[in-house]
């Protein structure tokens, strides 16, 4: 069982803290893989927003965790407590994977974990982060940044994206999708996707893409083109491209490819279908095409991904 420690202190944002607990706390129904053991760690009872919270463990417990989550820090003009900064640094030095949600990046930066690394935070505070910590390469235009042992996310909904990304790294796409279904949130938004500062994601049911995206996902086995999507949406290809950039932060073809790769990951994890069969089921056409795009996107060939996933989740011998 993997231990996830939520680092808390006065001045944390309750939304990000609650969000992380919802993702890593209760396992989704039907998931049989060993789930996370979540510990809330703080030096004493803390005030989180308007709530009072009693931690399970002290901050020194962070160094024994596999993953440490640092929720948002409410006032970025105030230095985070030295004991929190020291505990987060010690946890990383002990081998923990450390992730910040929203302005929790200011705690990681104060601990020196972001020096020389690319990182992000809520778009409203990226300039402040860059000004306070000039050694950090602050990227204001992404949802989250994965540096391996150090991860940072933008605000609010992007914190959910990062948490689901961690579940996907640990347990695969099928389990991450099960968590997303339980929480009724989109299962995957790529970290490089824009934060949508200028044009937030529309929530109206009558938005042109509201019905188009689910329609396309149900037809990933078909060789959909931009023209097919535009025809379905009743607009020109150029107009469709502008809507896609606003809503998803990417192009229609790039979005389609991402969905096909995620579907391929699920099939590799949950079935014994051949790569040729999966290529057909995901609209890639041939195993060669699937292998090329999969290797470029995921970093390993489909066969290696399946072997690694199966080995990681093989039942222990009794």
C-alpha atoms as a PDB file:
ATOM      1  CA  UNK A   1       0.000   0.000   0.000  1.00  0.00           C
ATOM      2  CA  UNK A   2       1.343   3.418  -1.000  1.00  0.00           C
ATOM      3  CA  UNK A   3       1.304   6.123   1.652  1.00  0.00           C
ATOM      4  CA  UNK A   4       0.081   9.559   0.585  1.00  0.00           C
ATOM      5  CA  UNK A   5       0.737  12.307   3.134  1.00  0.00           C
ATOM      6  CA  UNK A   6      -1.224  15.547   2.957  1.00  0.00           C
ATOM      7  CA  UNK A   7       0.915  18.307   4.471  1.00  0.00           C
ATOM      8  CA  UNK A   8      -1.255  20.821   6.336  1.00  0.00           C
ATOM      9  CA  UNK A   9      -0.673  23.979   8.308  1.00  0.00           C
ATOM     10  CA  UNK A  10      -2.519  27.210   9.034  1.00  0.00           C
ATOM     11  CA  UNK A  11      -3.109  29.106   5.817  1.00  0.00           C
ATOM     12  CA  UNK A  12      -3.848  26.143   3.541  1.00  0.00           C
ATOM     13  CA  UNK A  13      -6.733  26.247   1.066  1.00  0.00           C
ATOM     14  CA  UNK A  14      -9.468  23.784   1.962  1.00  0.00           C
ATOM     15  CA  UNK A  15     -10.607  23.090  -1.612  1.00  0.00           C
ATOM     16  CA  UNK A  16      -7.310  21.589  -2.761  1.00  0.00           C
ATOM     17  CA  UNK A  17      -6.908  19.661   0.487  1.00  0.00           C
ATOM     18  CA  UNK A  18     -10.388  18.157   0.217  1.00  0.00           C
ATOM     19  CA  UNK A  19      -9.899  17.386  -3.457  1.00  0.00           C
ATOM     20  CA  UNK A  20      -6.711  15.430  -2.805  1.00  0.00           C
ATOM     21  CA  UNK A  21      -8.364  13.462  -0.016  1.00  0.00           C
ATOM     22  CA  UNK A  22     -11.287  12.566  -2.288  1.00  0.00           C
ATOM     23  CA  UNK A  23      -8.947  11.242  -4.989  1.00  0.00           C
ATOM     24  CA  UNK A  24      -6.546   9.270  -2.790  1.00  0.00           C
ATOM     25  CA  UNK A  25      -8.828   8.442   0.152  1.00  0.00           C
ATOM     26  CA  UNK A  26     -11.717   6.097  -0.651  1.00  0.00           C
ATOM     27  CA  UNK A  27     -11.018   3.618  -3.478  1.00  0.00           C
ATOM     28  CA  UNK A  28     -13.540   3.517  -6.336  1.00  0.00           C
ATOM     29  CA  UNK A  29     -15.973   0.597  -6.374  1.00  0.00           C
ATOM     30  CA  UNK A  30     -14.666  -2.466  -8.152  1.00  0.00           C
ATOM     31  CA  UNK A  31     -10.985  -1.491  -7.971  1.00  0.00           C
ATOM     32  CA  UNK A  32      -8.970  -4.363  -6.550  1.00  0.00           C
ATOM     33  CA  UNK A  33      -5.434  -2.966  -6.657  1.00  0.00           C
ATOM     34  CA  UNK A  34      -3.886  -2.069  -3.273  1.00  0.00           C
ATOM     35  CA  UNK A  35      -5.123   1.458  -2.594  1.00  0.00           C
ATOM     36  CA  UNK A  36      -3.492   4.441  -0.918  1.00  0.00           C
ATOM     37  CA  UNK A  37      -3.084   4.907   2.808  1.00  0.00           C
ATOM     38  CA  UNK A  38      -3.789   8.610   3.325  1.00  0.00           C
ATOM     39  CA  UNK A  39      -2.350  10.482   6.304  1.00  0.00           C
ATOM     40  CA  UNK A  40      -3.026  14.119   7.164  1.00  0.00           C
ATOM     41  CA  UNK A  41       0.188  15.520   8.637  1.00  0.00           C
ATOM     42  CA  UNK A  42       0.606  18.737  10.589  1.00  0.00           C
ATOM     43  CA  UNK A  43       2.352  19.977  13.699  1.00  0.00           C
ATOM     44  CA  UNK A  44      -0.920  20.766  15.503  1.00  0.00           C
ATOM     45  CA  UNK A  45      -4.585  21.491  14.952  1.00  0.00           C
ATOM     46  CA  UNK A  46      -4.813  23.893  12.019  1.00  0.00           C
ATOM     47  CA  UNK A  47      -7.284  26.338  10.564  1.00  0.00           C
ATOM     48  CA  UNK A  48      -7.994  25.491   6.914  1.00  0.00           C
ATOM     49  CA  UNK A  49     -10.234  28.187   5.497  1.00  0.00           C
ATOM     50  CA  UNK A  50     -13.199  28.270   7.879  1.00  0.00           C
ATOM     51  CA  UNK A  51     -12.579  24.724   9.094  1.00  0.00           C
ATOM     52  CA  UNK A  52     -10.556  23.350  11.979  1.00  0.00           C
ATOM     53  CA  UNK A  53      -8.589  20.201  11.222  1.00  0.00           C
ATOM     54  CA  UNK A  54      -6.902  17.692  13.541  1.00  0.00           C
ATOM     55  CA  UNK A  55      -3.931  16.046  11.742  1.00  0.00           C
ATOM     56  CA  UNK A  56      -3.301  12.305  12.056  1.00  0.00           C
ATOM     57  CA  UNK A  57       0.477  12.673  12.292  1.00  0.00           C
ATOM     58  CA  UNK A  58       3.146  15.313  12.796  1.00  0.00           C
ATOM     59  CA  UNK A  59       5.049  16.923   9.938  1.00  0.00           C
ATOM     60  CA  UNK A  60       8.019  14.659  10.611  1.00  0.00           C
ATOM     61  CA  UNK A  61       5.891  11.836   9.220  1.00  0.00           C
ATOM     62  CA  UNK A  62       6.272  13.289   5.713  1.00  0.00           C
ATOM     63  CA  UNK A  63       9.720  11.765   5.310  1.00  0.00           C
ATOM     64  CA  UNK A  64       8.196   8.277   5.605  1.00  0.00           C
ATOM     65  CA  UNK A  65       5.577   8.824   2.896  1.00  0.00           C
ATOM     66  CA  UNK A  66       5.778   7.625  -0.696  1.00  0.00           C
ATOM     67  CA  UNK A  67       3.963  10.703  -1.987  1.00  0.00           C
ATOM     68  CA  UNK A  68       3.595  14.089  -0.305  1.00  0.00           C
ATOM     69  CA  UNK A  69       0.831  16.451  -1.407  1.00  0.00           C
ATOM     70  CA  UNK A  70       1.144  20.151  -0.528  1.00  0.00           C
ATOM     71  CA  UNK A  71      -2.250  21.891  -0.980  1.00  0.00           C
ATOM     72  CA  UNK A  72      -2.666  25.533  -1.943  1.00  0.00           C
ATOM     73  CA  UNK A  73      -1.085  28.231   0.222  1.00  0.00           C
ATOM     74  CA  UNK A  74      -3.626  30.998   0.894  1.00  0.00           C
ATOM     75  CA  UNK A  75      -1.400  34.091   1.127  1.00  0.00           C
ATOM     76  CA  UNK A  76       1.536  34.017  -1.276  1.00  0.00           C
ATOM     77  CA  UNK A  77       2.835  37.286   0.198  1.00  0.00           C
ATOM     78  CA  UNK A  78       3.540  35.494   3.490  1.00  0.00           C
ATOM     79  CA  UNK A  79       6.434  33.058   3.811  1.00  0.00           C
ATOM     80  CA  UNK A  80       5.248  29.507   4.530  1.00  0.00           C
ATOM     81  CA  UNK A  81       6.228  28.167   7.972  1.00  0.00           C
ATOM     82  CA  UNK A  82       9.854  27.056   8.178  1.00  0.00           C
ATOM     83  CA  UNK A  83       8.894  23.731   9.772  1.00  0.00           C
ATOM     84  CA  UNK A  84       6.629  22.924   6.812  1.00  0.00           C
ATOM     85  CA  UNK A  85       9.317  23.889   4.303  1.00  0.00           C
ATOM     86  CA  UNK A  86      11.928  21.810   6.148  1.00  0.00           C
ATOM     87  CA  UNK A  87       9.602  18.801   6.396  1.00  0.00           C
ATOM     88  CA  UNK A  88       8.796  18.899   2.666  1.00  0.00           C
ATOM     89  CA  UNK A  89      12.490  19.179   1.789  1.00  0.00           C
ATOM     90  CA  UNK A  90      13.351  16.272   4.110  1.00  0.00           C
ATOM     91  CA  UNK A  91      10.609  14.132   2.573  1.00  0.00           C
ATOM     92  CA  UNK A  92      11.978  14.687  -0.917  1.00  0.00           C
ATOM     93  CA  UNK A  93      15.521  13.951   0.221  1.00  0.00           C
ATOM     94  CA  UNK A  94      14.214  10.711   1.734  1.00  0.00           C
ATOM     95  CA  UNK A  95      12.851   9.679  -1.666  1.00  0.00           C
ATOM     96  CA  UNK A  96       9.242  10.857  -1.575  1.00  0.00           C
ATOM     97  CA  UNK A  97       7.452  12.060  -4.667  1.00  0.00           C
ATOM     98  CA  UNK A  98       6.318  15.612  -3.849  1.00  0.00           C
ATOM     99  CA  UNK A  99       3.412  17.347  -5.588  1.00  0.00           C
ATOM    100  CA  UNK A 100       1.965  20.803  -5.033  1.00  0.00           C
ATOM    101  CA  UNK A 101      -1.576  21.870  -5.816  1.00  0.00           C
ATOM    102  CA  UNK A 102      -2.187  25.446  -6.936  1.00  0.00           C
ATOM    103  CA  UNK A 103      -0.135  27.861  -4.781  1.00  0.00           C
ATOM    104  CA  UNK A 104       1.412  24.985  -2.862  1.00  0.00           C
ATOM    105  CA  UNK A 105       4.193  25.550  -5.395  1.00  0.00           C
ATOM    106  CA  UNK A 106       5.389  28.429  -3.203  1.00  0.00           C
ATOM    107  CA  UNK A 107       6.148  25.888  -0.447  1.00  0.00           C
ATOM    108  CA  UNK A 108       8.079  23.653  -2.848  1.00  0.00           C
ATOM    109  CA  UNK A 109       9.977  26.663  -4.178  1.00  0.00           C
ATOM    110  CA  UNK A 110      10.860  27.786  -0.649  1.00  0.00           C
ATOM    111  CA  UNK A 111      12.215  24.288  -0.026  1.00  0.00           C
ATOM    112  CA  UNK A 112      14.465  24.597  -3.089  1.00  0.00           C
ATOM    113  CA  UNK A 113      12.731  21.712  -4.882  1.00  0.00           C
ATOM    114  CA  UNK A 114      11.885  23.798  -7.943  1.00  0.00           C
ATOM    115  CA  UNK A 115      15.301  25.377  -8.522  1.00  0.00           C
ATOM    116  CA  UNK A 116      16.332  24.706 -12.106  1.00  0.00           C
ATOM    117  CA  UNK A 117      13.051  22.992 -12.798  1.00  0.00           C
ATOM    118  CA  UNK A 118      10.007  23.917 -14.850  1.00  0.00           C
ATOM    119  CA  UNK A 119       6.949  24.485 -12.663  1.00  0.00           C
ATOM    120  CA  UNK A 120       3.534  26.093 -12.627  1.00  0.00           C
ATOM    121  CA  UNK A 121       0.950  27.480 -10.241  1.00  0.00           C
ATOM    122  CA  UNK A 122      -2.354  29.334 -10.488  1.00  0.00           C
ATOM    123  CA  UNK A 123      -2.097  31.780 -13.388  1.00  0.00           C
ATOM    124  CA  UNK A 124      -2.802  34.756 -11.099  1.00  0.00           C
ATOM    125  CA  UNK A 125       0.355  34.022  -9.086  1.00  0.00           C
ATOM    126  CA  UNK A 126       2.884  32.904 -11.707  1.00  0.00           C
ATOM    127  CA  UNK A 127       4.575  36.311 -11.820  1.00  0.00           C
ATOM    128  CA  UNK A 128       4.870  36.364  -8.035  1.00  0.00           C
ATOM    129  CA  UNK A 129       6.397  32.889  -8.015  1.00  0.00           C
ATOM    130  CA  UNK A 130       8.909  33.848 -10.703  1.00  0.00           C
ATOM    131  CA  UNK A 131       9.788  37.083  -8.878  1.00  0.00           C
ATOM    132  CA  UNK A 132      10.340  35.416  -5.506  1.00  0.00           C
ATOM    133  CA  UNK A 133      12.204  32.428  -6.926  1.00  0.00           C
ATOM    134  CA  UNK A 134      14.172  33.418 -10.045  1.00  0.00           C
ATOM    135  CA  UNK A 135      15.827  29.987 -10.297  1.00  0.00           C
ATOM    136  CA  UNK A 136      12.435  28.421 -11.063  1.00  0.00           C
ATOM    137  CA  UNK A 137      11.342  28.171 -14.706  1.00  0.00           C
ATOM    138  CA  UNK A 138       7.709  29.212 -14.236  1.00  0.00           C
ATOM    139  CA  UNK A 139       5.312  28.185 -17.021  1.00  0.00           C
ATOM    140  CA  UNK A 140       2.000  30.079 -16.733  1.00  0.00           C
ATOM    141  CA  UNK A 141       0.307  28.310 -19.635  1.00  0.00           C
ATOM    142  CA  UNK A 142      -0.027  24.690 -18.515  1.00  0.00           C
ATOM    143  CA  UNK A 143      -2.281  22.698 -16.204  1.00  0.00           C
ATOM    144  CA  UNK A 144       0.506  20.785 -14.478  1.00  0.00           C
ATOM    145  CA  UNK A 145       4.182  19.925 -14.798  1.00  0.00           C
ATOM    146  CA  UNK A 146       5.612  16.471 -14.085  1.00  0.00           C
ATOM    147  CA  UNK A 147       9.331  16.454 -13.268  1.00  0.00           C
ATOM    148  CA  UNK A 148       9.289  12.895 -11.998  1.00  0.00           C
ATOM    149  CA  UNK A 149       9.816  13.270  -8.265  1.00  0.00           C
ATOM    150  CA  UNK A 150       8.522  16.863  -8.186  1.00  0.00           C
ATOM    151  CA  UNK A 151       5.179  17.885  -9.669  1.00  0.00           C
ATOM    152  CA  UNK A 152       3.254  21.161  -9.649  1.00  0.00           C
ATOM    153  CA  UNK A 153      -0.254  22.090 -10.785  1.00  0.00           C
ATOM    154  CA  UNK A 154      -2.202  25.204 -11.623  1.00  0.00           C
ATOM    155  CA  UNK A 155      -5.296  26.129  -9.626  1.00  0.00           C
ATOM    156  CA  UNK A 156      -8.518  24.401  -8.615  1.00  0.00           C
ATOM    157  CA  UNK A 157      -9.604  22.058 -11.437  1.00  0.00           C
ATOM    158  CA  UNK A 158      -5.980  21.611 -12.550  1.00  0.00           C
ATOM    159  CA  UNK A 159      -5.242  20.205  -9.082  1.00  0.00           C
ATOM    160  CA  UNK A 160      -7.736  17.456  -9.872  1.00  0.00           C
ATOM    161  CA  UNK A 161      -5.967  16.840 -13.185  1.00  0.00           C
ATOM    162  CA  UNK A 162      -2.652  16.383 -11.410  1.00  0.00           C
ATOM    163  CA  UNK A 163      -4.096  14.049  -8.773  1.00  0.00           C
ATOM    164  CA  UNK A 164      -5.679  11.875 -11.471  1.00  0.00           C
ATOM    165  CA  UNK A 165      -2.351  11.956 -13.321  1.00  0.00           C
ATOM    166  CA  UNK A 166      -0.674  10.513 -10.222  1.00  0.00           C
ATOM    167  CA  UNK A 167      -3.289   7.753  -9.999  1.00  0.00           C
ATOM    168  CA  UNK A 168      -2.738   7.031 -13.685  1.00  0.00           C
ATOM    169  CA  UNK A 169       1.017   6.752 -13.138  1.00  0.00           C
ATOM    170  CA  UNK A 170       0.509   4.400 -10.191  1.00  0.00           C
ATOM    171  CA  UNK A 171      -2.394   2.257 -11.383  1.00  0.00           C
ATOM    172  CA  UNK A 172      -2.998   2.912 -15.062  1.00  0.00           C
ATOM    173  CA  UNK A 173      -5.665   4.649 -17.123  1.00  0.00           C
ATOM    174  CA  UNK A 174      -8.524   2.260 -16.327  1.00  0.00           C
ATOM    175  CA  UNK A 175      -8.253   2.873 -12.571  1.00  0.00           C
ATOM    176  CA  UNK A 176      -7.780   6.627 -13.025  1.00  0.00           C
ATOM    177  CA  UNK A 177     -10.897   6.678 -15.192  1.00  0.00           C
ATOM    178  CA  UNK A 178     -12.813   4.803 -12.491  1.00  0.00           C
ATOM    179  CA  UNK A 179     -11.812   7.469  -9.966  1.00  0.00           C
ATOM    180  CA  UNK A 180     -12.854  10.195 -12.412  1.00  0.00           C
ATOM    181  CA  UNK A 181     -16.237   8.534 -12.950  1.00  0.00           C
ATOM    182  CA  UNK A 182     -16.838   8.372  -9.201  1.00  0.00           C
ATOM    183  CA  UNK A 183     -16.035  12.074  -8.881  1.00  0.00           C
ATOM    184  CA  UNK A 184     -17.920  12.938 -12.102  1.00  0.00           C
ATOM    185  CA  UNK A 185     -14.977  14.781 -13.660  1.00  0.00           C
ATOM    186  CA  UNK A 186     -13.218  14.452 -17.045  1.00  0.00           C
ATOM    187  CA  UNK A 187     -10.809  11.490 -16.889  1.00  0.00           C
ATOM    188  CA  UNK A 188      -7.882  13.169 -18.612  1.00  0.00           C
ATOM    189  CA  UNK A 189      -6.609  16.598 -19.529  1.00  0.00           C
ATOM    190  CA  UNK A 190      -3.005  16.677 -20.649  1.00  0.00           C
ATOM    191  CA  UNK A 191      -0.629  18.652 -18.452  1.00  0.00           C
ATOM    192  CA  UNK A 192       0.482  20.809 -21.364  1.00  0.00           C
ATOM    193  CA  UNK A 193      -3.041  22.033 -21.949  1.00  0.00           C
ATOM    194  CA  UNK A 194      -3.601  25.754 -21.449  1.00  0.00           C
ATOM    195  CA  UNK A 195      -5.049  27.151 -18.212  1.00  0.00           C
ATOM    196  CA  UNK A 196      -7.787  28.909 -20.249  1.00  0.00           C
ATOM    197  CA  UNK A 197      -7.134  32.298 -18.688  1.00  0.00           C
ATOM    198  CA  UNK A 198      -8.581  34.426 -21.474  1.00  0.00           C
ATOM    199  CA  UNK A 199     -11.504  32.158 -22.354  1.00  0.00           C
ATOM    200  CA  UNK A 200     -12.685  29.731 -19.655  1.00  0.00           C
ATOM    201  CA  UNK A 201     -14.224  26.399 -20.667  1.00  0.00           C
ATOM    202  CA  UNK A 202     -17.888  26.993 -21.574  1.00  0.00           C
ATOM    203  CA  UNK A 203     -20.372  25.140 -19.393  1.00  0.00           C
ATOM    204  CA  UNK A 204     -23.504  25.696 -21.495  1.00  0.00           C
ATOM    205  CA  UNK A 205     -25.127  22.512 -22.788  1.00  0.00           C
ATOM    206  CA  UNK A 206     -25.768  24.275 -26.103  1.00  0.00           C
ATOM    207  CA  UNK A 207     -22.078  24.983 -26.732  1.00  0.00           C
ATOM    208  CA  UNK A 208     -21.109  23.550 -30.161  1.00  0.00           C
ATOM    209  CA  UNK A 209     -18.640  21.076 -28.625  1.00  0.00           C
ATOM    210  CA  UNK A 210     -20.867  19.913 -25.748  1.00  0.00           C
ATOM    211  CA  UNK A 211     -22.316  17.068 -27.824  1.00  0.00           C
ATOM    212  CA  UNK A 212     -19.463  16.728 -30.316  1.00  0.00           C
ATOM    213  CA  UNK A 213     -16.750  15.531 -27.909  1.00  0.00           C
ATOM    214  CA  UNK A 214     -18.767  12.583 -26.481  1.00  0.00           C
ATOM    215  CA  UNK A 215     -19.893  11.727 -30.015  1.00  0.00           C
ATOM    216  CA  UNK A 216     -16.289  11.541 -31.194  1.00  0.00           C
ATOM    217  CA  UNK A 217     -15.136   9.506 -28.180  1.00  0.00           C
ATOM    218  CA  UNK A 218     -17.790   6.892 -28.961  1.00  0.00           C
ATOM    219  CA  UNK A 219     -16.374   6.588 -32.505  1.00  0.00           C
ATOM    220  CA  UNK A 220     -12.637   6.371 -31.916  1.00  0.00           C
ATOM    221  CA  UNK A 221     -12.569   3.160 -33.954  1.00  0.00           C
ATOM    222  CA  UNK A 222     -13.470   5.192 -37.030  1.00  0.00           C
ATOM    223  CA  UNK A 223     -11.018   7.254 -39.142  1.00  0.00           C
ATOM    224  CA  UNK A 224     -12.479  10.610 -38.122  1.00  0.00           C
ATOM    225  CA  UNK A 225     -11.144  13.733 -39.806  1.00  0.00           C
ATOM    226  CA  UNK A 226     -11.416  17.405 -38.948  1.00  0.00           C
ATOM    227  CA  UNK A 227     -13.949  17.686 -41.759  1.00  0.00           C
ATOM    228  CA  UNK A 228     -16.032  14.911 -40.162  1.00  0.00           C
ATOM    229  CA  UNK A 229     -16.035  16.748 -36.833  1.00  0.00           C
ATOM    230  CA  UNK A 230     -16.830  20.081 -38.465  1.00  0.00           C
ATOM    231  CA  UNK A 231     -19.699  18.554 -40.430  1.00  0.00           C
ATOM    232  CA  UNK A 232     -21.112  16.993 -37.270  1.00  0.00           C
ATOM    233  CA  UNK A 233     -20.842  20.307 -35.427  1.00  0.00           C
ATOM    234  CA  UNK A 234     -22.375  22.201 -38.333  1.00  0.00           C
ATOM    235  CA  UNK A 235     -19.512  24.643 -38.821  1.00  0.00           C
ATOM    236  CA  UNK A 236     -16.451  25.207 -40.954  1.00  0.00           C
ATOM    237  CA  UNK A 237     -13.185  23.449 -40.173  1.00  0.00           C
ATOM    238  CA  UNK A 238     -11.562  26.787 -39.336  1.00  0.00           C
ATOM    239  CA  UNK A 239     -14.386  27.735 -36.969  1.00  0.00           C
ATOM    240  CA  UNK A 240     -14.180  24.298 -35.336  1.00  0.00           C
ATOM    241  CA  UNK A 241     -10.452  24.756 -34.799  1.00  0.00           C
ATOM    242  CA  UNK A 242     -11.044  28.035 -32.963  1.00  0.00           C
ATOM    243  CA  UNK A 243     -13.644  26.411 -30.697  1.00  0.00           C
ATOM    244  CA  UNK A 244     -11.318  23.480 -29.985  1.00  0.00           C
ATOM    245  CA  UNK A 245      -8.453  25.759 -29.075  1.00  0.00           C
ATOM    246  CA  UNK A 246     -10.718  27.693 -26.692  1.00  0.00           C
ATOM    247  CA  UNK A 247     -12.235  24.646 -24.998  1.00  0.00           C
ATOM    248  CA  UNK A 248      -9.416  22.088 -25.024  1.00  0.00           C
ATOM    249  CA  UNK A 249      -6.297  24.182 -25.551  1.00  0.00           C
ATOM    250  CA  UNK A 250      -5.295  22.084 -28.533  1.00  0.00           C
ATOM    251  CA  UNK A 251      -6.255  21.241 -32.128  1.00  0.00           C
ATOM    252  CA  UNK A 252      -8.966  18.763 -33.157  1.00  0.00           C
ATOM    253  CA  UNK A 253      -6.435  16.274 -34.544  1.00  0.00           C
ATOM    254  CA  UNK A 254      -4.217  16.472 -31.466  1.00  0.00           C
ATOM    255  CA  UNK A 255      -7.250  16.005 -29.224  1.00  0.00           C
ATOM    256  CA  UNK A 256      -8.374  12.979 -31.247  1.00  0.00           C
ATOM    257  CA  UNK A 257      -4.908  11.443 -31.075  1.00  0.00           C
ATOM    258  CA  UNK A 258      -4.820  11.903 -27.290  1.00  0.00           C
ATOM    259  CA  UNK A 259      -8.183  10.142 -26.924  1.00  0.00           C
ATOM    260  CA  UNK A 260      -7.020   7.277 -29.153  1.00  0.00           C
ATOM    261  CA  UNK A 261      -3.835   6.806 -27.135  1.00  0.00           C
ATOM    262  CA  UNK A 262      -5.767   6.806 -23.831  1.00  0.00           C
ATOM    263  CA  UNK A 263      -8.188   4.221 -25.212  1.00  0.00           C
ATOM    264  CA  UNK A 264      -5.243   2.112 -26.341  1.00  0.00           C
ATOM    265  CA  UNK A 265      -3.767   2.291 -22.836  1.00  0.00           C
ATOM    266  CA  UNK A 266      -7.026   1.070 -21.327  1.00  0.00           C
ATOM    267  CA  UNK A 267      -7.238  -1.849 -23.753  1.00  0.00           C
ATOM    268  CA  UNK A 268      -3.601  -2.797 -23.138  1.00  0.00           C
ATOM    269  CA  UNK A 269      -4.266  -2.764 -19.391  1.00  0.00           C
ATOM    270  CA  UNK A 270      -7.594  -4.586 -19.329  1.00  0.00           C
ATOM    271  CA  UNK A 271      -7.590  -6.993 -22.304  1.00  0.00           C
ATOM    272  CA  UNK A 272      -5.350  -9.514 -24.020  1.00  0.00           C
ATOM    273  CA  UNK A 273      -6.164  -8.093 -27.455  1.00  0.00           C
ATOM    274  CA  UNK A 274      -3.298  -7.985 -29.917  1.00  0.00           C
ATOM    275  CA  UNK A 275      -1.721  -4.683 -30.880  1.00  0.00           C
ATOM    276  CA  UNK A 276      -3.295  -5.083 -34.339  1.00  0.00           C
ATOM    277  CA  UNK A 277      -6.750  -5.475 -32.796  1.00  0.00           C
ATOM    278  CA  UNK A 278      -6.217  -2.465 -30.531  1.00  0.00           C
ATOM    279  CA  UNK A 279      -4.983  -0.411 -33.485  1.00  0.00           C
ATOM    280  CA  UNK A 280      -8.271  -1.134 -35.261  1.00  0.00           C
ATOM    281  CA  UNK A 281     -10.361  -0.451 -32.134  1.00  0.00           C
ATOM    282  CA  UNK A 282      -8.718   2.934 -31.630  1.00  0.00           C
ATOM    283  CA  UNK A 283      -8.870   4.089 -35.235  1.00  0.00           C
ATOM    284  CA  UNK A 284      -5.103   3.864 -35.742  1.00  0.00           C
ATOM    285  CA  UNK A 285      -5.505   1.472 -38.657  1.00  0.00           C
ATOM    286  CA  UNK A 286      -2.311  -0.542 -38.309  1.00  0.00           C
ATOM    287  CA  UNK A 287      -0.092  -1.766 -35.497  1.00  0.00           C
ATOM    288  CA  UNK A 288       2.783   0.196 -37.022  1.00  0.00           C
ATOM    289  CA  UNK A 289       0.860   3.461 -36.767  1.00  0.00           C
ATOM    290  CA  UNK A 290      -0.250   2.717 -33.219  1.00  0.00           C
ATOM    291  CA  UNK A 291       3.294   1.818 -32.130  1.00  0.00           C
ATOM    292  CA  UNK A 292       4.707   5.019 -33.612  1.00  0.00           C
ATOM    293  CA  UNK A 293       2.191   7.348 -31.965  1.00  0.00           C
ATOM    294  CA  UNK A 294       2.077   5.389 -28.696  1.00  0.00           C
ATOM    295  CA  UNK A 295       5.856   5.374 -28.327  1.00  0.00           C
ATOM    296  CA  UNK A 296       6.045   9.088 -29.086  1.00  0.00           C
ATOM    297  CA  UNK A 297       3.263   9.980 -26.621  1.00  0.00           C
ATOM    298  CA  UNK A 298       3.744   7.522 -23.757  1.00  0.00           C
ATOM    299  CA  UNK A 299       7.483   6.975 -24.103  1.00  0.00           C
ATOM    300  CA  UNK A 300       7.437   3.183 -24.520  1.00  0.00           C
ATOM    301  CA  UNK A 301       6.051   0.784 -27.155  1.00  0.00           C
ATOM    302  CA  UNK A 302       2.584  -0.761 -26.539  1.00  0.00           C
ATOM    303  CA  UNK A 303       4.024  -4.215 -25.792  1.00  0.00           C
ATOM    304  CA  UNK A 304       6.435  -2.820 -23.204  1.00  0.00           C
ATOM    305  CA  UNK A 305       3.657  -0.762 -21.630  1.00  0.00           C
ATOM    306  CA  UNK A 306       1.494  -3.878 -21.256  1.00  0.00           C
ATOM    307  CA  UNK A 307       4.321  -5.938 -19.755  1.00  0.00           C
ATOM    308  CA  UNK A 308       5.277  -3.188 -17.313  1.00  0.00           C
ATOM    309  CA  UNK A 309       1.675  -2.614 -16.271  1.00  0.00           C
ATOM    310  CA  UNK A 310       0.960  -6.334 -15.824  1.00  0.00           C
ATOM    311  CA  UNK A 311       4.169  -6.851 -13.844  1.00  0.00           C
ATOM    312  CA  UNK A 312       3.446  -3.892 -11.579  1.00  0.00           C
ATOM    313  CA  UNK A 313      -0.072  -5.119 -10.815  1.00  0.00           C
ATOM    314  CA  UNK A 314       0.561  -8.858 -10.711  1.00  0.00           C
ATOM    315  CA  UNK A 315      -0.983 -10.523  -7.662  1.00  0.00           C
ATOM    316  CA  UNK A 316       1.625 -11.348  -4.996  1.00  0.00           C
ATOM    317  CA  UNK A 317       2.448 -15.014  -4.508  1.00  0.00           C
ATOM    318  CA  UNK A 318       1.013 -16.647  -1.435  1.00  0.00           C
END
